[in-house]
Amino acid sequence: MSAPLSLPGMDLPRRNGELAFDAPWQSRVFALAAAVVEHAFGGNREPFRRQLITAIAAEPGRPYWESWTAALEALVETIHEPPTM
């Protein structure tokens, strides 16, 4: 059995100590981000954290989990960028 997906050190919305999700898609995007960080970056959260900071700064009024989704999309795009010649 594998360990539950998590991103320790990230300042995530919580209620009573538990992760706070208002809709099922939010927990799914969290799990996707955790999986991408684990598998593509060897557990290094820094690339995702930088993308999240950028996404929040770009649209400060956007709901948190929508910024999380934008950060994940941007992170995945960096994985598939073709090498420069």
PDB file of N, CA and C in Angstrom:
ATOM      1  N   MET A   1       0.851  -1.171   0.000  1.00  0.00           N
ATOM      2  CA  MET A   1       0.000   0.000   0.000  1.00  0.00           C
ATOM      3  C   MET A   1       0.896   1.234   0.000  1.00  0.00           C
ATOM      4  N   SER A   2       0.594   2.215  -0.857  1.00  0.00           N
ATOM      5  CA  SER A   2       1.410   3.418  -0.927  1.00  0.00           C
ATOM      6  C   SER A   2       0.914   4.448   0.077  1.00  0.00           C
ATOM      7  N   ALA A   3       1.804   5.380   0.387  1.00  0.00           N
ATOM      8  CA  ALA A   3       1.457   6.448   1.323  1.00  0.00           C
ATOM      9  C   ALA A   3       0.468   7.394   0.670  1.00  0.00           C
ATOM     10  N   PRO A   4      -0.372   8.059   1.464  1.00  0.00           N
ATOM     11  CA  PRO A   4      -1.306   9.022   0.888  1.00  0.00           C
ATOM     12  C   PRO A   4      -0.551  10.175   0.236  1.00  0.00           C
ATOM     13  N   LEU A   5      -1.107  10.694  -0.841  1.00  0.00           N
ATOM     14  CA  LEU A   5      -0.482  11.816  -1.522  1.00  0.00           C
ATOM     15  C   LEU A   5      -0.547  13.048  -0.641  1.00  0.00           C
ATOM     16  N   SER A   6       0.552  13.778  -0.590  1.00  0.00           N
ATOM     17  CA  SER A   6       0.579  14.999   0.192  1.00  0.00           C
ATOM     18  C   SER A   6       1.650  15.926  -0.358  1.00  0.00           C
ATOM     19  N   LEU A   7       1.579  17.153   0.036  1.00  0.00           N
ATOM     20  CA  LEU A   7       2.604  18.138  -0.302  1.00  0.00           C
ATOM     21  C   LEU A   7       2.998  18.838   0.991  1.00  0.00           C
ATOM     22  N   PRO A   8       3.780  18.164   1.849  1.00  0.00           N
ATOM     23  CA  PRO A   8       4.168  18.765   3.116  1.00  0.00           C
ATOM     24  C   PRO A   8       4.881  20.088   2.882  1.00  0.00           C
ATOM     25  N   GLY A   9       4.646  21.026   3.766  1.00  0.00           N
ATOM     26  CA  GLY A   9       5.294  22.316   3.664  1.00  0.00           C
ATOM     27  C   GLY A   9       4.507  23.333   2.861  1.00  0.00           C
ATOM     28  N   MET A  10       3.478  22.894   2.135  1.00  0.00           N
ATOM     29  CA  MET A  10       2.639  23.830   1.394  1.00  0.00           C
ATOM     30  C   MET A  10       1.585  24.368   2.361  1.00  0.00           C
ATOM     31  N   ASP A  11       1.291  25.644   2.267  1.00  0.00           N
ATOM     32  CA  ASP A  11       0.288  26.265   3.122  1.00  0.00           C
ATOM     33  C   ASP A  11      -1.082  26.067   2.486  1.00  0.00           C
ATOM     34  N   LEU A  12      -1.719  24.956   2.795  1.00  0.00           N
ATOM     35  CA  LEU A  12      -2.988  24.581   2.188  1.00  0.00           C
ATOM     36  C   LEU A  12      -4.163  24.990   3.065  1.00  0.00           C
ATOM     37  N   PRO A  13      -5.302  25.314   2.445  1.00  0.00           N
ATOM     38  CA  PRO A  13      -6.492  25.648   3.239  1.00  0.00           C
ATOM     39  C   PRO A  13      -6.897  24.466   4.130  1.00  0.00           C
ATOM     40  N   ARG A  14      -7.140  24.757   5.381  1.00  0.00           N
ATOM     41  CA  ARG A  14      -7.520  23.702   6.333  1.00  0.00           C
ATOM     42  C   ARG A  14      -8.689  24.156   7.184  1.00  0.00           C
ATOM     43  N   ARG A  15      -9.458  23.163   7.632  1.00  0.00           N
ATOM     44  CA  ARG A  15     -10.520  23.366   8.622  1.00  0.00           C
ATOM     45  C   ARG A  15     -10.317  22.305   9.693  1.00  0.00           C
ATOM     46  N   ASN A  16     -10.174  22.748  10.917  1.00  0.00           N
ATOM     47  CA  ASN A  16      -9.938  21.817  12.035  1.00  0.00           C
ATOM     48  C   ASN A  16      -8.764  20.884  11.754  1.00  0.00           C
ATOM     49  N   GLY A  17      -7.737  21.411  11.106  1.00  0.00           N
ATOM     50  CA  GLY A  17      -6.538  20.631  10.836  1.00  0.00           C
ATOM     51  C   GLY A  17      -6.598  19.755   9.595  1.00  0.00           C
ATOM     52  N   GLU A  18      -7.757  19.614   9.002  1.00  0.00           N
ATOM     53  CA  GLU A  18      -7.916  18.772   7.810  1.00  0.00           C
ATOM     54  C   GLU A  18      -7.911  19.638   6.558  1.00  0.00           C
ATOM     55  N   LEU A  19      -7.410  19.080   5.445  1.00  0.00           N
ATOM     56  CA  LEU A  19      -7.467  19.807   4.186  1.00  0.00           C
ATOM     57  C   LEU A  19      -8.901  20.193   3.872  1.00  0.00           C
ATOM     58  N   ALA A  20      -9.088  21.410   3.381  1.00  0.00           N
ATOM     59  CA  ALA A  20     -10.433  21.933   3.111  1.00  0.00           C
ATOM     60  C   ALA A  20     -10.707  21.949   1.610  1.00  0.00           C
ATOM     61  N   PHE A  21     -11.654  21.137   1.205  1.00  0.00           N
ATOM     62  CA  PHE A  21     -12.097  21.099  -0.189  1.00  0.00           C
ATOM     63  C   PHE A  21     -13.596  21.388  -0.195  1.00  0.00           C
ATOM     64  N   ASP A  22     -14.009  22.315  -1.068  1.00  0.00           N
ATOM     65  CA  ASP A  22     -15.427  22.648  -1.167  1.00  0.00           C
ATOM     66  C   ASP A  22     -16.136  21.856  -2.255  1.00  0.00           C
ATOM     67  N   ALA A  23     -15.356  21.208  -3.118  1.00  0.00           N
ATOM     68  CA  ALA A  23     -15.934  20.429  -4.217  1.00  0.00           C
ATOM     69  C   ALA A  23     -14.981  19.279  -4.543  1.00  0.00           C
ATOM     70  N   PRO A  24     -15.517  18.179  -5.055  1.00  0.00           N
ATOM     71  CA  PRO A  24     -14.673  17.019  -5.363  1.00  0.00           C
ATOM     72  C   PRO A  24     -13.520  17.326  -6.318  1.00  0.00           C
ATOM     73  N   TRP A  25     -13.731  18.232  -7.289  1.00  0.00           N
ATOM     74  CA  TRP A  25     -12.663  18.517  -8.241  1.00  0.00           C
ATOM     75  C   TRP A  25     -11.440  19.104  -7.543  1.00  0.00           C
ATOM     76  N   GLN A  26     -11.642  19.807  -6.435  1.00  0.00           N
ATOM     77  CA  GLN A  26     -10.514  20.404  -5.727  1.00  0.00           C
ATOM     78  C   GLN A  26      -9.606  19.336  -5.133  1.00  0.00           C
ATOM     79  N   SER A  27     -10.189  18.310  -4.563  1.00  0.00           N
ATOM     80  CA  SER A  27      -9.354  17.227  -4.022  1.00  0.00           C
ATOM     81  C   SER A  27      -8.666  16.464  -5.142  1.00  0.00           C
ATOM     82  N   ARG A  28      -9.307  16.393  -6.286  1.00  0.00           N
ATOM     83  CA  ARG A  28      -8.691  15.703  -7.432  1.00  0.00           C
ATOM     84  C   ARG A  28      -7.491  16.481  -7.962  1.00  0.00           C
ATOM     85  N   VAL A  29      -7.627  17.798  -8.065  1.00  0.00           N
ATOM     86  CA  VAL A  29      -6.506  18.594  -8.561  1.00  0.00           C
ATOM     87  C   VAL A  29      -5.363  18.579  -7.547  1.00  0.00           C
ATOM     88  N   PHE A  30      -5.693  18.512  -6.275  1.00  0.00           N
ATOM     89  CA  PHE A  30      -4.658  18.362  -5.255  1.00  0.00           C
ATOM     90  C   PHE A  30      -3.897  17.054  -5.466  1.00  0.00           C
ATOM     91  N   ALA A  31      -4.628  15.976  -5.637  1.00  0.00           N
ATOM     92  CA  ALA A  31      -3.999  14.671  -5.831  1.00  0.00           C
ATOM     93  C   ALA A  31      -3.167  14.638  -7.112  1.00  0.00           C
ATOM     94  N   LEU A  32      -3.670  15.247  -8.174  1.00  0.00           N
ATOM     95  CA  LEU A  32      -2.899  15.308  -9.423  1.00  0.00           C
ATOM     96  C   LEU A  32      -1.596  16.072  -9.225  1.00  0.00           C
ATOM     97  N   ALA A  33      -1.673  17.212  -8.546  1.00  0.00           N
ATOM     98  CA  ALA A  33      -0.461  18.000  -8.301  1.00  0.00           C
ATOM     99  C   ALA A  33       0.537  17.207  -7.467  1.00  0.00           C
ATOM    100  N   ALA A  34       0.059  16.536  -6.429  1.00  0.00           N
ATOM    101  CA  ALA A  34       0.947  15.732  -5.587  1.00  0.00           C
ATOM    102  C   ALA A  34       1.604  14.627  -6.406  1.00  0.00           C
ATOM    103  N   ALA A  35       0.847  14.002  -7.300  1.00  0.00           N
ATOM    104  CA  ALA A  35       1.398  12.929  -8.137  1.00  0.00           C
ATOM    105  C   ALA A  35       2.433  13.473  -9.116  1.00  0.00           C
ATOM    106  N   VAL A  36       2.150  14.614  -9.724  1.00  0.00           N
ATOM    107  CA  VAL A  36       3.115  15.214 -10.661  1.00  0.00           C
ATOM    108  C   VAL A  36       4.402  15.574  -9.921  1.00  0.00           C
ATOM    109  N   VAL A  37       4.268  16.189  -8.762  1.00  0.00           N
ATOM    110  CA  VAL A  37       5.449  16.557  -7.976  1.00  0.00           C
ATOM    111  C   VAL A  37       6.262  15.310  -7.629  1.00  0.00           C
ATOM    112  N   GLU A  38       5.588  14.266  -7.217  1.00  0.00           N
ATOM    113  CA  GLU A  38       6.277  13.037  -6.822  1.00  0.00           C
ATOM    114  C   GLU A  38       6.972  12.365  -8.005  1.00  0.00           C
ATOM    115  N   HIS A  39       6.263  12.214  -9.109  1.00  0.00           N
ATOM    116  CA  HIS A  39       6.784  11.419 -10.225  1.00  0.00           C
ATOM    117  C   HIS A  39       7.666  12.204 -11.187  1.00  0.00           C
ATOM    118  N   ALA A  40       7.357  13.463 -11.431  1.00  0.00           N
ATOM    119  CA  ALA A  40       8.140  14.233 -12.401  1.00  0.00           C
ATOM    120  C   ALA A  40       9.274  15.021 -11.754  1.00  0.00           C
ATOM    121  N   PHE A  41       9.145  15.303 -10.460  1.00  0.00           N
ATOM    122  CA  PHE A  41      10.140  16.137  -9.788  1.00  0.00           C
ATOM    123  C   PHE A  41      10.750  15.442  -8.573  1.00  0.00           C
ATOM    124  N   GLY A  42      10.536  14.156  -8.455  1.00  0.00           N
ATOM    125  CA  GLY A  42      11.133  13.396  -7.368  1.00  0.00           C
ATOM    126  C   GLY A  42      10.735  13.868  -5.985  1.00  0.00           C
ATOM    127  N   GLY A  43       9.539  14.463  -5.873  1.00  0.00           N
ATOM    128  CA  GLY A  43       9.061  14.940  -4.588  1.00  0.00           C
ATOM    129  C   GLY A  43       9.461  16.377  -4.278  1.00  0.00           C
ATOM    130  N   ASN A  44      10.242  17.001  -5.154  1.00  0.00           N
ATOM    131  CA  ASN A  44      10.646  18.399  -4.948  1.00  0.00           C
ATOM    132  C   ASN A  44       9.456  19.310  -5.214  1.00  0.00           C
ATOM    133  N   ARG A  45       8.942  19.954  -4.167  1.00  0.00           N
ATOM    134  CA  ARG A  45       7.749  20.804  -4.277  1.00  0.00           C
ATOM    135  C   ARG A  45       8.042  22.198  -4.817  1.00  0.00           C
ATOM    136  N   GLU A  46       9.308  22.578  -4.863  1.00  0.00           N
ATOM    137  CA  GLU A  46       9.663  23.946  -5.217  1.00  0.00           C
ATOM    138  C   GLU A  46       9.159  24.373  -6.601  1.00  0.00           C
ATOM    139  N   PRO A  47       9.297  23.566  -7.655  1.00  0.00           N
ATOM    140  CA  PRO A  47       8.768  24.014  -8.960  1.00  0.00           C
ATOM    141  C   PRO A  47       7.266  24.299  -8.913  1.00  0.00           C
ATOM    142  N   PHE A  48       6.506  23.471  -8.215  1.00  0.00           N
ATOM    143  CA  PHE A  48       5.068  23.723  -8.105  1.00  0.00           C
ATOM    144  C   PHE A  48       4.799  24.961  -7.258  1.00  0.00           C
ATOM    145  N   ARG A  49       5.511  25.116  -6.177  1.00  0.00           N
ATOM    146  CA  ARG A  49       5.324  26.278  -5.296  1.00  0.00           C
ATOM    147  C   ARG A  49       5.551  27.576  -6.068  1.00  0.00           C
ATOM    148  N   ARG A  50       6.603  27.605  -6.887  1.00  0.00           N
ATOM    149  CA  ARG A  50       6.871  28.804  -7.697  1.00  0.00           C
ATOM    150  C   ARG A  50       5.730  29.068  -8.673  1.00  0.00           C
ATOM    151  N   GLN A  51       5.203  28.013  -9.303  1.00  0.00           N
ATOM    152  CA  GLN A  51       4.082  28.181 -10.232  1.00  0.00           C
ATOM    153  C   GLN A  51       2.846  28.686  -9.495  1.00  0.00           C
ATOM    154  N   LEU A  52       2.614  28.191  -8.291  1.00  0.00           N
ATOM    155  CA  LEU A  52       1.445  28.624  -7.515  1.00  0.00           C
ATOM    156  C   LEU A  52       1.569  30.094  -7.124  1.00  0.00           C
ATOM    157  N   ILE A  53       2.747  30.512  -6.706  1.00  0.00           N
ATOM    158  CA  ILE A  53       2.971  31.918  -6.369  1.00  0.00           C
ATOM    159  C   ILE A  53       2.697  32.796  -7.589  1.00  0.00           C
ATOM    160  N   THR A  54       3.187  32.371  -8.746  1.00  0.00           N
ATOM    161  CA  THR A  54       2.972  33.123  -9.984  1.00  0.00           C
ATOM    162  C   THR A  54       1.493  33.191 -10.335  1.00  0.00           C
ATOM    163  N   ALA A  55       0.789  32.065 -10.204  1.00  0.00           N
ATOM    164  CA  ALA A  55      -0.646  32.021 -10.537  1.00  0.00           C
ATOM    165  C   ALA A  55      -1.454  32.926  -9.617  1.00  0.00           C
ATOM    166  N   ILE A  56      -1.146  32.923  -8.340  1.00  0.00           N
ATOM    167  CA  ILE A  56      -1.867  33.777  -7.391  1.00  0.00           C
ATOM    168  C   ILE A  56      -1.569  35.248  -7.674  1.00  0.00           C
ATOM    169  N   ALA A  57      -0.310  35.568  -7.950  1.00  0.00           N
ATOM    170  CA  ALA A  57       0.065  36.958  -8.241  1.00  0.00           C
ATOM    171  C   ALA A  57      -0.593  37.462  -9.527  1.00  0.00           C
ATOM    172  N   ALA A  58      -0.757  36.570 -10.500  1.00  0.00           N
ATOM    173  CA  ALA A  58      -1.346  36.965 -11.786  1.00  0.00           C
ATOM    174  C   ALA A  58      -2.807  37.367 -11.632  1.00  0.00           C
ATOM    175  N   GLU A  59      -3.525  36.681 -10.741  1.00  0.00           N
ATOM    176  CA  GLU A  59      -4.945  36.975 -10.507  1.00  0.00           C
ATOM    177  C   GLU A  59      -5.246  36.831  -9.020  1.00  0.00           C
ATOM    178  N   PRO A  60      -4.907  37.848  -8.230  1.00  0.00           N
ATOM    179  CA  PRO A  60      -5.062  37.740  -6.774  1.00  0.00           C
ATOM    180  C   PRO A  60      -6.488  37.460  -6.305  1.00  0.00           C
ATOM    181  N   GLY A  61      -7.485  37.853  -7.067  1.00  0.00           N
ATOM    182  CA  GLY A  61      -8.871  37.637  -6.654  1.00  0.00           C
ATOM    183  C   GLY A  61      -9.431  36.281  -7.045  1.00  0.00           C
ATOM    184  N   ARG A  62      -8.655  35.510  -7.780  1.00  0.00           N
ATOM    185  CA  ARG A  62      -9.131  34.198  -8.230  1.00  0.00           C
ATOM    186  C   ARG A  62      -9.207  33.252  -7.030  1.00  0.00           C
ATOM    187  N   PRO A  63     -10.224  32.400  -6.973  1.00  0.00           N
ATOM    188  CA  PRO A  63     -10.305  31.409  -5.884  1.00  0.00           C
ATOM    189  C   PRO A  63      -9.040  30.549  -5.817  1.00  0.00           C
ATOM    190  N   TYR A  64      -8.659  30.194  -4.592  1.00  0.00           N
ATOM    191  CA  TYR A  64      -7.402  29.478  -4.353  1.00  0.00           C
ATOM    192  C   TYR A  64      -7.249  28.231  -5.215  1.00  0.00           C
ATOM    193  N   TRP A  65      -8.246  27.366  -5.220  1.00  0.00           N
ATOM    194  CA  TRP A  65      -8.083  26.104  -5.944  1.00  0.00           C
ATOM    195  C   TRP A  65      -8.060  26.312  -7.457  1.00  0.00           C
ATOM    196  N   GLU A  66      -8.626  27.400  -7.953  1.00  0.00           N
ATOM    197  CA  GLU A  66      -8.491  27.715  -9.372  1.00  0.00           C
ATOM    198  C   GLU A  66      -7.058  28.150  -9.679  1.00  0.00           C
ATOM    199  N   SER A  67      -6.440  28.872  -8.751  1.00  0.00           N
ATOM    200  CA  SER A  67      -5.026  29.214  -8.911  1.00  0.00           C
ATOM    201  C   SER A  67      -4.161  27.961  -8.843  1.00  0.00           C
ATOM    202  N   TRP A  68      -4.536  27.051  -7.981  1.00  0.00           N
ATOM    203  CA  TRP A  68      -3.831  25.772  -7.854  1.00  0.00           C
ATOM    204  C   TRP A  68      -3.880  25.036  -9.199  1.00  0.00           C
ATOM    205  N   THR A  69      -5.055  25.030  -9.832  1.00  0.00           N
ATOM    206  CA  THR A  69      -5.220  24.370 -11.128  1.00  0.00           C
ATOM    207  C   THR A  69      -4.363  25.060 -12.194  1.00  0.00           C
ATOM    208  N   ALA A  70      -4.370  26.383 -12.208  1.00  0.00           N
ATOM    209  CA  ALA A  70      -3.551  27.130 -13.174  1.00  0.00           C
ATOM    210  C   ALA A  70      -2.070  26.815 -12.967  1.00  0.00           C
ATOM    211  N   ALA A  71      -1.645  26.713 -11.718  1.00  0.00           N
ATOM    212  CA  ALA A  71      -0.252  26.386 -11.413  1.00  0.00           C
ATOM    213  C   ALA A  71       0.094  24.982 -11.893  1.00  0.00           C
ATOM    214  N   LEU A  72      -0.805  24.049 -11.688  1.00  0.00           N
ATOM    215  CA  LEU A  72      -0.567  22.679 -12.142  1.00  0.00           C
ATOM    216  C   LEU A  72      -0.461  22.629 -13.659  1.00  0.00           C
ATOM    217  N   GLU A  73      -1.357  23.316 -14.352  1.00  0.00           N
ATOM    218  CA  GLU A  73      -1.304  23.348 -15.818  1.00  0.00           C
ATOM    219  C   GLU A  73       0.030  23.917 -16.297  1.00  0.00           C
ATOM    220  N   ALA A  74       0.468  25.019 -15.684  1.00  0.00           N
ATOM    221  CA  ALA A  74       1.744  25.629 -16.074  1.00  0.00           C
ATOM    222  C   ALA A  74       2.912  24.694 -15.784  1.00  0.00           C
ATOM    223  N   LEU A  75       2.858  23.993 -14.665  1.00  0.00           N
ATOM    224  CA  LEU A  75       3.921  23.062 -14.310  1.00  0.00           C
ATOM    225  C   LEU A  75       4.004  21.918 -15.307  1.00  0.00           C
ATOM    226  N   VAL A  76       2.873  21.368 -15.678  1.00  0.00           N
ATOM    227  CA  VAL A  76       2.853  20.255 -16.637  1.00  0.00           C
ATOM    228  C   VAL A  76       3.394  20.716 -17.986  1.00  0.00           C
ATOM    229  N   GLU A  77       3.078  21.949 -18.374  1.00  0.00           N
ATOM    230  CA  GLU A  77       3.604  22.467 -19.635  1.00  0.00           C
ATOM    231  C   GLU A  77       5.124  22.524 -19.614  1.00  0.00           C
ATOM    232  N   THR A  78       5.730  22.802 -18.466  1.00  0.00           N
ATOM    233  CA  THR A  78       7.193  22.858 -18.401  1.00  0.00           C
ATOM    234  C   THR A  78       7.810  21.481 -18.569  1.00  0.00           C
ATOM    235  N   ILE A  79       7.083  20.455 -18.190  1.00  0.00           N
ATOM    236  CA  ILE A  79       7.591  19.091 -18.315  1.00  0.00           C
ATOM    237  C   ILE A  79       7.677  18.694 -19.777  1.00  0.00           C
ATOM    238  N   HIS A  80       6.722  19.163 -20.590  1.00  0.00           N
ATOM    239  CA  HIS A  80       6.638  18.737 -21.977  1.00  0.00           C
ATOM    240  C   HIS A  80       7.197  19.742 -22.962  1.00  0.00           C
ATOM    241  N   GLU A  81       7.897  20.757 -22.476  1.00  0.00           N
ATOM    242  CA  GLU A  81       8.479  21.721 -23.396  1.00  0.00           C
ATOM    243  C   GLU A  81       9.582  21.039 -24.185  1.00  0.00           C
ATOM    244  N   PRO A  82       9.589  21.232 -25.511  1.00  0.00           N
ATOM    245  CA  PRO A  82      10.664  20.633 -26.301  1.00  0.00           C
ATOM    246  C   PRO A  82      11.993  21.313 -25.974  1.00  0.00           C
ATOM    247  N   PRO A  83      13.088  20.584 -26.039  1.00  0.00           N
ATOM    248  CA  PRO A  83      14.379  21.191 -25.747  1.00  0.00           C
ATOM    249  C   PRO A  83      14.733  22.254 -26.782  1.00  0.00           C
ATOM    250  N   THR A  84      15.414  23.295 -26.337  1.00  0.00           N
ATOM    251  CA  THR A  84      15.849  24.334 -27.272  1.00  0.00           C
ATOM    252  C   THR A  84      17.128  23.883 -27.943  1.00  0.00           C
ATOM    253  N   MET A  85      17.254  24.259 -29.185  1.00  0.00           N
ATOM    254  CA  MET A  85      18.452  23.845 -29.932  1.00  0.00           C
ATOM    255  C   MET A  85      19.392  24.992 -30.119  1.00  0.00           C
TER     256      MET A  85
END
